PDB file of N, CA and C in Angstrom:
ATOM      1  N   MET A   1       0.166   5.522 -36.112  1.00  0.00           N
ATOM      2  CA  MET A   1       0.093   4.573 -35.336  1.00  0.00           C
ATOM      3  C   MET A   1      -1.354   3.964 -35.070  1.00  0.00           C
ATOM      4  N   ASN A   2      -1.621   3.070 -34.757  1.00  0.00           N
ATOM      5  CA  ASN A   2      -2.705   2.193 -34.418  1.00  0.00           C
ATOM      6  C   ASN A   2      -2.709   2.345 -32.791  1.00  0.00           C
ATOM      7  N   ASN A   3      -3.760   3.404 -31.887  1.00  0.00           N
ATOM      8  CA  ASN A   3      -4.041   3.328 -30.970  1.00  0.00           C
ATOM      9  C   ASN A   3      -5.715   2.930 -30.711  1.00  0.00           C
ATOM     10  N   LYS A   4      -6.007   2.018 -31.751  1.00  0.00           N
ATOM     11  CA  LYS A   4      -7.416   1.281 -30.955  1.00  0.00           C
ATOM     12  C   LYS A   4      -7.173   0.489 -30.691  1.00  0.00           C
ATOM     13  N   PRO A   5      -6.400  -0.713 -29.936  1.00  0.00           N
ATOM     14  CA  PRO A   5      -6.431  -1.067 -28.544  1.00  0.00           C
ATOM     15  C   PRO A   5      -6.164  -0.415 -27.315  1.00  0.00           C
ATOM     16  N   ILE A   6      -5.338   0.251 -27.790  1.00  0.00           N
ATOM     17  CA  ILE A   6      -4.723   0.865 -26.636  1.00  0.00           C
ATOM     18  C   ILE A   6      -6.248   1.865 -26.159  1.00  0.00           C
ATOM     19  N   ALA A   7      -6.707   2.249 -26.912  1.00  0.00           N
ATOM     20  CA  ALA A   7      -8.217   3.207 -26.792  1.00  0.00           C
ATOM     21  C   ALA A   7      -9.256   2.160 -25.961  1.00  0.00           C
ATOM     22  N   LEU A   8      -9.641   0.521 -26.677  1.00  0.00           N
ATOM     23  CA  LEU A   8     -10.231  -0.091 -26.387  1.00  0.00           C
ATOM     24  C   LEU A   8     -10.189  -0.678 -25.057  1.00  0.00           C
ATOM     25  N   MET A   9      -9.185  -1.015 -24.601  1.00  0.00           N
ATOM     26  CA  MET A   9      -8.282  -0.913 -22.793  1.00  0.00           C
ATOM     27  C   MET A   9      -9.102  -0.212 -21.982  1.00  0.00           C
ATOM     28  N   GLY A  10      -8.731   1.164 -22.602  1.00  0.00           N
ATOM     29  CA  GLY A  10      -9.196   2.243 -21.787  1.00  0.00           C
ATOM     30  C   GLY A  10     -10.209   2.386 -21.271  1.00  0.00           C
ATOM     31  N   ILE A  11     -11.348   1.733 -22.501  1.00  0.00           N
ATOM     32  CA  ILE A  11     -12.677   2.033 -22.273  1.00  0.00           C
ATOM     33  C   ILE A  11     -12.896   0.835 -20.933  1.00  0.00           C
ATOM     34  N   ILE A  12     -12.416  -0.455 -21.878  1.00  0.00           N
ATOM     35  CA  ILE A  12     -13.001  -1.574 -20.896  1.00  0.00           C
ATOM     36  C   ILE A  12     -12.478  -1.367 -19.150  1.00  0.00           C
ATOM     37  N   PHE A  13     -11.101  -1.112 -19.077  1.00  0.00           N
ATOM     38  CA  PHE A  13     -10.840  -0.451 -17.858  1.00  0.00           C
ATOM     39  C   PHE A  13     -11.835   0.378 -16.996  1.00  0.00           C
ATOM     40  N   GLY A  14     -11.799   1.498 -17.879  1.00  0.00           N
ATOM     41  CA  GLY A  14     -11.718   2.957 -17.116  1.00  0.00           C
ATOM     42  C   GLY A  14     -13.867   2.528 -16.348  1.00  0.00           C
ATOM     43  N   SER A  15     -14.537   1.700 -17.461  1.00  0.00           N
ATOM     44  CA  SER A  15     -15.957   0.971 -17.336  1.00  0.00           C
ATOM     45  C   SER A  15     -15.857   0.444 -16.033  1.00  0.00           C
ATOM     46  N   LEU A  16     -14.837  -0.550 -15.706  1.00  0.00           N
ATOM     47  CA  LEU A  16     -14.522  -0.921 -14.724  1.00  0.00           C
ATOM     48  C   LEU A  16     -14.295  -0.914 -13.195  1.00  0.00           C
ATOM     49  N   PHE A  17     -13.706   0.165 -13.389  1.00  0.00           N
ATOM     50  CA  PHE A  17     -13.257   0.830 -12.751  1.00  0.00           C
ATOM     51  C   PHE A  17     -14.563   1.579 -12.278  1.00  0.00           C
ATOM     52  N   LEU A  18     -15.418   2.797 -12.972  1.00  0.00           N
ATOM     53  CA  LEU A  18     -16.669   3.521 -13.034  1.00  0.00           C
ATOM     54  C   LEU A  18     -17.456   2.710 -11.947  1.00  0.00           C
ATOM     55  N   SER A  19     -17.464   1.482 -12.565  1.00  0.00           N
ATOM     56  CA  SER A  19     -18.647   0.452 -11.717  1.00  0.00           C
ATOM     57  C   SER A  19     -18.155  -0.105 -10.527  1.00  0.00           C
ATOM     58  N   PHE A  20     -16.702  -0.176 -10.098  1.00  0.00           N
ATOM     59  CA  PHE A  20     -15.874  -0.784  -8.929  1.00  0.00           C
ATOM     60  C   PHE A  20     -16.485   0.897  -7.962  1.00  0.00           C
ATOM     61  N   GLU A  21     -16.182   2.188  -8.607  1.00  0.00           N
ATOM     62  CA  GLU A  21     -16.358   3.351  -7.973  1.00  0.00           C
ATOM     63  C   GLU A  21     -17.989   3.519  -7.081  1.00  0.00           C
ATOM     64  N   ILE A  22     -19.030   2.951  -7.996  1.00  0.00           N
ATOM     65  CA  ILE A  22     -20.350   3.242  -8.004  1.00  0.00           C
ATOM     66  C   ILE A  22     -20.743   2.348  -6.650  1.00  0.00           C
ATOM     67  N   TYR A  23     -20.156   0.590  -6.704  1.00  0.00           N
ATOM     68  CA  TYR A  23     -20.406  -0.006  -6.142  1.00  0.00           C
ATOM     69  C   TYR A  23     -19.887   0.454  -5.100  1.00  0.00           C
ATOM     70  N   MET A  24     -18.537   0.740  -4.965  1.00  0.00           N
ATOM     71  CA  MET A  24     -17.967   1.488  -3.488  1.00  0.00           C
ATOM     72  C   MET A  24     -18.375   1.751  -2.741  1.00  0.00           C
ATOM     73  N   LEU A  25     -19.466   2.746  -2.844  1.00  0.00           N
ATOM     74  CA  LEU A  25     -20.187   4.148  -2.413  1.00  0.00           C
ATOM     75  C   LEU A  25     -20.992   3.287  -1.091  1.00  0.00           C
ATOM     76  N   LYS A  26     -20.966   2.350  -2.178  1.00  0.00           N
ATOM     77  CA  LYS A  26     -21.979   1.721  -0.497  1.00  0.00           C
ATOM     78  C   LYS A  26     -21.151   1.505   0.909  1.00  0.00           C
ATOM     79  N   ILE A  27     -19.766   0.675   0.252  1.00  0.00           N
ATOM     80  CA  ILE A  27     -19.269   0.199   1.596  1.00  0.00           C
ATOM     81  C   ILE A  27     -18.748   1.324   2.383  1.00  0.00           C
ATOM     82  N   VAL A  28     -18.542   2.476   1.421  1.00  0.00           N
ATOM     83  CA  VAL A  28     -17.805   3.604   2.393  1.00  0.00           C
ATOM     84  C   VAL A  28     -19.210   3.543   3.354  1.00  0.00           C
ATOM     85  N   GLN A  29     -20.523   3.664   2.691  1.00  0.00           N
ATOM     86  CA  GLN A  29     -21.615   4.308   3.972  1.00  0.00           C
ATOM     87  C   GLN A  29     -21.624   3.762   4.454  1.00  0.00           C
ATOM     88  N   TYR A  30     -21.153   1.808   4.327  1.00  0.00           N
ATOM     89  CA  TYR A  30     -21.438   0.755   5.614  1.00  0.00           C
ATOM     90  C   TYR A  30     -19.881   1.726   6.835  1.00  0.00           C
ATOM     91  N   LEU A  31     -19.027   1.393   6.463  1.00  0.00           N
ATOM     92  CA  LEU A  31     -18.079   2.269   7.189  1.00  0.00           C
ATOM     93  C   LEU A  31     -18.066   3.005   7.847  1.00  0.00           C
ATOM     94  N   ASP A  32     -18.976   4.499   7.154  1.00  0.00           N
ATOM     95  CA  ASP A  32     -19.123   5.229   8.198  1.00  0.00           C
ATOM     96  C   ASP A  32     -20.468   5.149   9.159  1.00  0.00           C
ATOM     97  N   LYS A  33     -21.108   4.335   8.942  1.00  0.00           N
ATOM     98  CA  LYS A  33     -22.310   4.025   9.256  1.00  0.00           C
ATOM     99  C   LYS A  33     -21.463   3.067  11.005  1.00  0.00           C
ATOM    100  N   SER A  34     -20.378   2.516  10.756  1.00  0.00           N
ATOM    101  CA  SER A  34     -19.691   1.841  11.627  1.00  0.00           C
ATOM    102  C   SER A  34     -19.015   3.334  12.767  1.00  0.00           C
ATOM    103  N   GLY A  35     -18.424   4.593  12.452  1.00  0.00           N
ATOM    104  CA  GLY A  35     -18.156   5.521  12.845  1.00  0.00           C
ATOM    105  C   GLY A  35     -19.136   6.651  13.777  1.00  0.00           C
ATOM    106  N   GLY A  36     -20.523   5.793  13.153  1.00  0.00           N
ATOM    107  CA  GLY A  36     -21.580   7.148  13.897  1.00  0.00           C
ATOM    108  C   GLY A  36     -22.364   7.786  13.226  1.00  0.00           C
ATOM    109  N   SER A  37     -22.137   8.764  12.605  1.00  0.00           N
ATOM    110  CA  SER A  37     -22.814   9.577  11.496  1.00  0.00           C
ATOM    111  C   SER A  37     -23.151   9.087  10.416  1.00  0.00           C
ATOM    112  N   TRP A  38     -23.453   9.262   9.087  1.00  0.00           N
ATOM    113  CA  TRP A  38     -23.998   9.035   8.232  1.00  0.00           C
ATOM    114  C   TRP A  38     -24.951   9.224   7.314  1.00  0.00           C
ATOM    115  N   PHE A  39     -25.037   9.149   5.558  1.00  0.00           N
ATOM    116  CA  PHE A  39     -25.391  10.246   5.426  1.00  0.00           C
ATOM    117  C   PHE A  39     -26.747   8.370   4.583  1.00  0.00           C
ATOM    118  N   GLU A  40     -28.156   9.650   4.281  1.00  0.00           N
ATOM    119  CA  GLU A  40     -29.092   8.090   4.520  1.00  0.00           C
ATOM    120  C   GLU A  40     -29.206   7.856   2.276  1.00  0.00           C
ATOM    121  N   ASN A  41     -28.628   8.704   1.896  1.00  0.00           N
ATOM    122  CA  ASN A  41     -28.358   8.898   0.385  1.00  0.00           C
ATOM    123  C   ASN A  41     -26.573   8.165   0.009  1.00  0.00           C
ATOM    124  N   VAL A  42     -26.370   7.070  -0.623  1.00  0.00           N
ATOM    125  CA  VAL A  42     -24.895   6.793  -0.901  1.00  0.00           C
ATOM    126  C   VAL A  42     -24.516   7.238  -2.104  1.00  0.00           C
ATOM    127  N   TRP A  43     -25.593   8.228  -2.541  1.00  0.00           N
ATOM    128  CA  TRP A  43     -24.948   9.702  -3.498  1.00  0.00           C
ATOM    129  C   TRP A  43     -24.463  10.463  -3.044  1.00  0.00           C
ATOM    130  N   GLU A  44     -24.570  10.841  -1.872  1.00  0.00           N
ATOM    131  CA  GLU A  44     -24.187  11.547  -1.237  1.00  0.00           C
ATOM    132  C   GLU A  44     -22.910  12.080  -1.166  1.00  0.00           C
ATOM    133  N   TYR A  45     -22.144  10.791  -0.927  1.00  0.00           N
ATOM    134  CA  TYR A  45     -20.860  10.406  -0.985  1.00  0.00           C
ATOM    135  C   TYR A  45     -20.158  11.041  -1.968  1.00  0.00           C
ATOM    136  N   ALA A  46     -20.641  10.840  -3.061  1.00  0.00           N
ATOM    137  CA  ALA A  46     -20.242  10.812  -4.216  1.00  0.00           C
ATOM    138  C   ALA A  46     -20.535  12.431  -4.345  1.00  0.00           C
ATOM    139  N   LYS A  47     -20.910  13.132  -3.957  1.00  0.00           N
ATOM    140  CA  LYS A  47     -20.542  14.426  -3.835  1.00  0.00           C
ATOM    141  C   LYS A  47     -19.526  15.323  -2.901  1.00  0.00           C
ATOM    142  N   MET A  48     -19.049  14.188  -2.740  1.00  0.00           N
ATOM    143  CA  MET A  48     -17.552  14.385  -1.138  1.00  0.00           C
ATOM    144  C   MET A  48     -16.431  14.459  -2.698  1.00  0.00           C
ATOM    145  N   PHE A  49     -15.550  15.397  -2.361  1.00  0.00           N
ATOM    146  CA  PHE A  49     -14.543  15.304  -2.937  1.00  0.00           C
ATOM    147  C   PHE A  49     -13.870  14.613  -3.346  1.00  0.00           C
ATOM    148  N   PRO A  50     -13.047  14.135  -2.849  1.00  0.00           N
ATOM    149  CA  PRO A  50     -12.482  12.731  -2.934  1.00  0.00           C
ATOM    150  C   PRO A  50     -13.249  11.768  -3.615  1.00  0.00           C
ATOM    151  N   CYS A  51     -14.080  11.416  -3.950  1.00  0.00           N
ATOM    152  CA  CYS A  51     -14.876  10.234  -4.436  1.00  0.00           C
ATOM    153  C   CYS A  51     -15.530  11.299  -5.662  1.00  0.00           C
ATOM    154  N   ASN A  52     -15.623  12.287  -5.363  1.00  0.00           N
ATOM    155  CA  ASN A  52     -15.689  13.213  -7.020  1.00  0.00           C
ATOM    156  C   ASN A  52     -14.905  13.550  -7.573  1.00  0.00           C
ATOM    157  N   ILE A  53     -13.651  13.401  -7.078  1.00  0.00           N
ATOM    158  CA  ILE A  53     -12.694  13.654  -7.975  1.00  0.00           C
ATOM    159  C   ILE A  53     -12.090  12.440  -9.121  1.00  0.00           C
ATOM    160  N   ALA A  54     -12.705  11.572  -8.031  1.00  0.00           N
ATOM    161  CA  ALA A  54     -12.300   9.771  -8.682  1.00  0.00           C
ATOM    162  C   ALA A  54     -13.231   9.824  -9.936  1.00  0.00           C
ATOM    163  N   LEU A  55     -14.678  10.228  -9.455  1.00  0.00           N
ATOM    164  CA  LEU A  55     -15.966   9.697 -10.733  1.00  0.00           C
ATOM    165  C   LEU A  55     -14.935  10.620 -11.961  1.00  0.00           C
ATOM    166  N   PHE A  56     -14.918  11.797 -12.045  1.00  0.00           N
ATOM    167  CA  PHE A  56     -14.766  12.712 -13.001  1.00  0.00           C
ATOM    168  C   PHE A  56     -13.972  12.815 -13.302  1.00  0.00           C
ATOM    169  N   ILE A  57     -12.057  11.467 -12.723  1.00  0.00           N
ATOM    170  CA  ILE A  57     -11.405  11.766 -14.146  1.00  0.00           C
ATOM    171  C   ILE A  57     -11.629   9.982 -14.856  1.00  0.00           C
ATOM    172  N   THR A  58     -12.661   8.999 -13.813  1.00  0.00           N
ATOM    173  CA  THR A  58     -12.778   8.118 -14.468  1.00  0.00           C
ATOM    174  C   THR A  58     -13.378   8.113 -15.394  1.00  0.00           C
ATOM    175  N   ILE A  59     -14.394   9.331 -15.877  1.00  0.00           N
ATOM    176  CA  ILE A  59     -15.305   9.323 -17.242  1.00  0.00           C
ATOM    177  C   ILE A  59     -14.692  10.314 -17.813  1.00  0.00           C
ATOM    178  N   ALA A  60     -13.720  11.236 -17.543  1.00  0.00           N
ATOM    179  CA  ALA A  60     -13.139  12.292 -18.442  1.00  0.00           C
ATOM    180  C   ALA A  60     -12.182  10.216 -19.663  1.00  0.00           C
ATOM    181  N   VAL A  61     -11.170   9.825 -18.839  1.00  0.00           N
ATOM    182  CA  VAL A  61     -10.713   8.317 -19.300  1.00  0.00           C
ATOM    183  C   VAL A  61     -11.115   7.681 -20.183  1.00  0.00           C
ATOM    184  N   VAL A  62     -12.313   7.396 -19.655  1.00  0.00           N
ATOM    185  CA  VAL A  62     -13.254   6.787 -20.723  1.00  0.00           C
ATOM    186  C   VAL A  62     -14.165   7.622 -22.258  1.00  0.00           C
ATOM    187  N   ILE A  63     -14.381   8.864 -22.064  1.00  0.00           N
ATOM    188  CA  ILE A  63     -14.721   9.993 -22.843  1.00  0.00           C
ATOM    189  C   ILE A  63     -13.827  10.543 -24.084  1.00  0.00           C
ATOM    190  N   PHE A  64     -11.959  10.166 -23.344  1.00  0.00           N
ATOM    191  CA  PHE A  64     -11.156  10.163 -24.072  1.00  0.00           C
ATOM    192  C   PHE A  64     -10.575   8.945 -24.496  1.00  0.00           C
ATOM    193  N   SER A  65     -10.674   7.853 -24.369  1.00  0.00           N
ATOM    194  CA  SER A  65     -10.465   6.249 -24.760  1.00  0.00           C
ATOM    195  C   SER A  65     -11.335   6.156 -25.683  1.00  0.00           C
ATOM    196  N   PHE A  66     -12.745   6.590 -25.914  1.00  0.00           N
ATOM    197  CA  PHE A  66     -13.904   7.004 -27.057  1.00  0.00           C
ATOM    198  C   PHE A  66     -13.859   7.667 -28.199  1.00  0.00           C
ATOM    199  N   PHE A  67     -13.407   9.310 -28.081  1.00  0.00           N
ATOM    200  CA  PHE A  67     -12.597   9.471 -28.751  1.00  0.00           C
ATOM    201  C   PHE A  67     -11.174   9.065 -29.437  1.00  0.00           C
ATOM    202  N   ILE A  68     -10.785   8.117 -28.961  1.00  0.00           N
ATOM    203  CA  ILE A  68      -9.068   8.151 -29.457  1.00  0.00           C
ATOM    204  C   ILE A  68      -9.931   6.460 -30.481  1.00  0.00           C
ATOM    205  N   PHE A  69     -11.072   5.972 -30.148  1.00  0.00           N
ATOM    206  CA  PHE A  69     -11.072   4.544 -30.605  1.00  0.00           C
ATOM    207  C   PHE A  69     -11.419   5.534 -31.729  1.00  0.00           C
ATOM    208  N   PHE A  70     -12.446   5.935 -32.037  1.00  0.00           N
ATOM    209  CA  PHE A  70     -13.387   6.088 -32.906  1.00  0.00           C
ATOM    210  C   PHE A  70     -12.159   7.732 -34.236  1.00  0.00           C
ATOM    211  N   ARG A  71     -11.558   8.597 -33.557  1.00  0.00           N
ATOM    212  CA  ARG A  71     -10.954   9.194 -34.526  1.00  0.00           C
ATOM    213  C   ARG A  71      -9.701   8.165 -35.370  1.00  0.00           C
ATOM    214  N   ASN A  72      -9.465   6.699 -34.421  1.00  0.00           N
ATOM    215  CA  ASN A  72      -8.651   6.067 -36.014  1.00  0.00           C
ATOM    216  C   ASN A  72      -9.510   4.977 -36.456  1.00  0.00           C
ATOM    217  N   LYS A  73      -8.926   5.297 -37.624  1.00  0.00           N
ATOM    218  CA  LYS A  73      -9.267   4.285 -38.970  1.00  0.00           C
ATOM    219  C   LYS A  73      -8.985   3.586 -38.703  1.00  0.00           C
TER     220      LYS A  73
END
């Protein structure tokens, strides 16, 4: 079975979601500023558990999609 189109979609959508998550860190900081205290560095939010898990899952999907894409001939 040829899984290259599925793997290619995984790479594209995984990359899009990863960039969306990275840009959303700035929005999370803005929303946190309206509530009071906030982190000065946006990447501090990436160290928080929910953001951390979301980033790791998205990176894992991209890596797994690359593996499937290059494994099939």
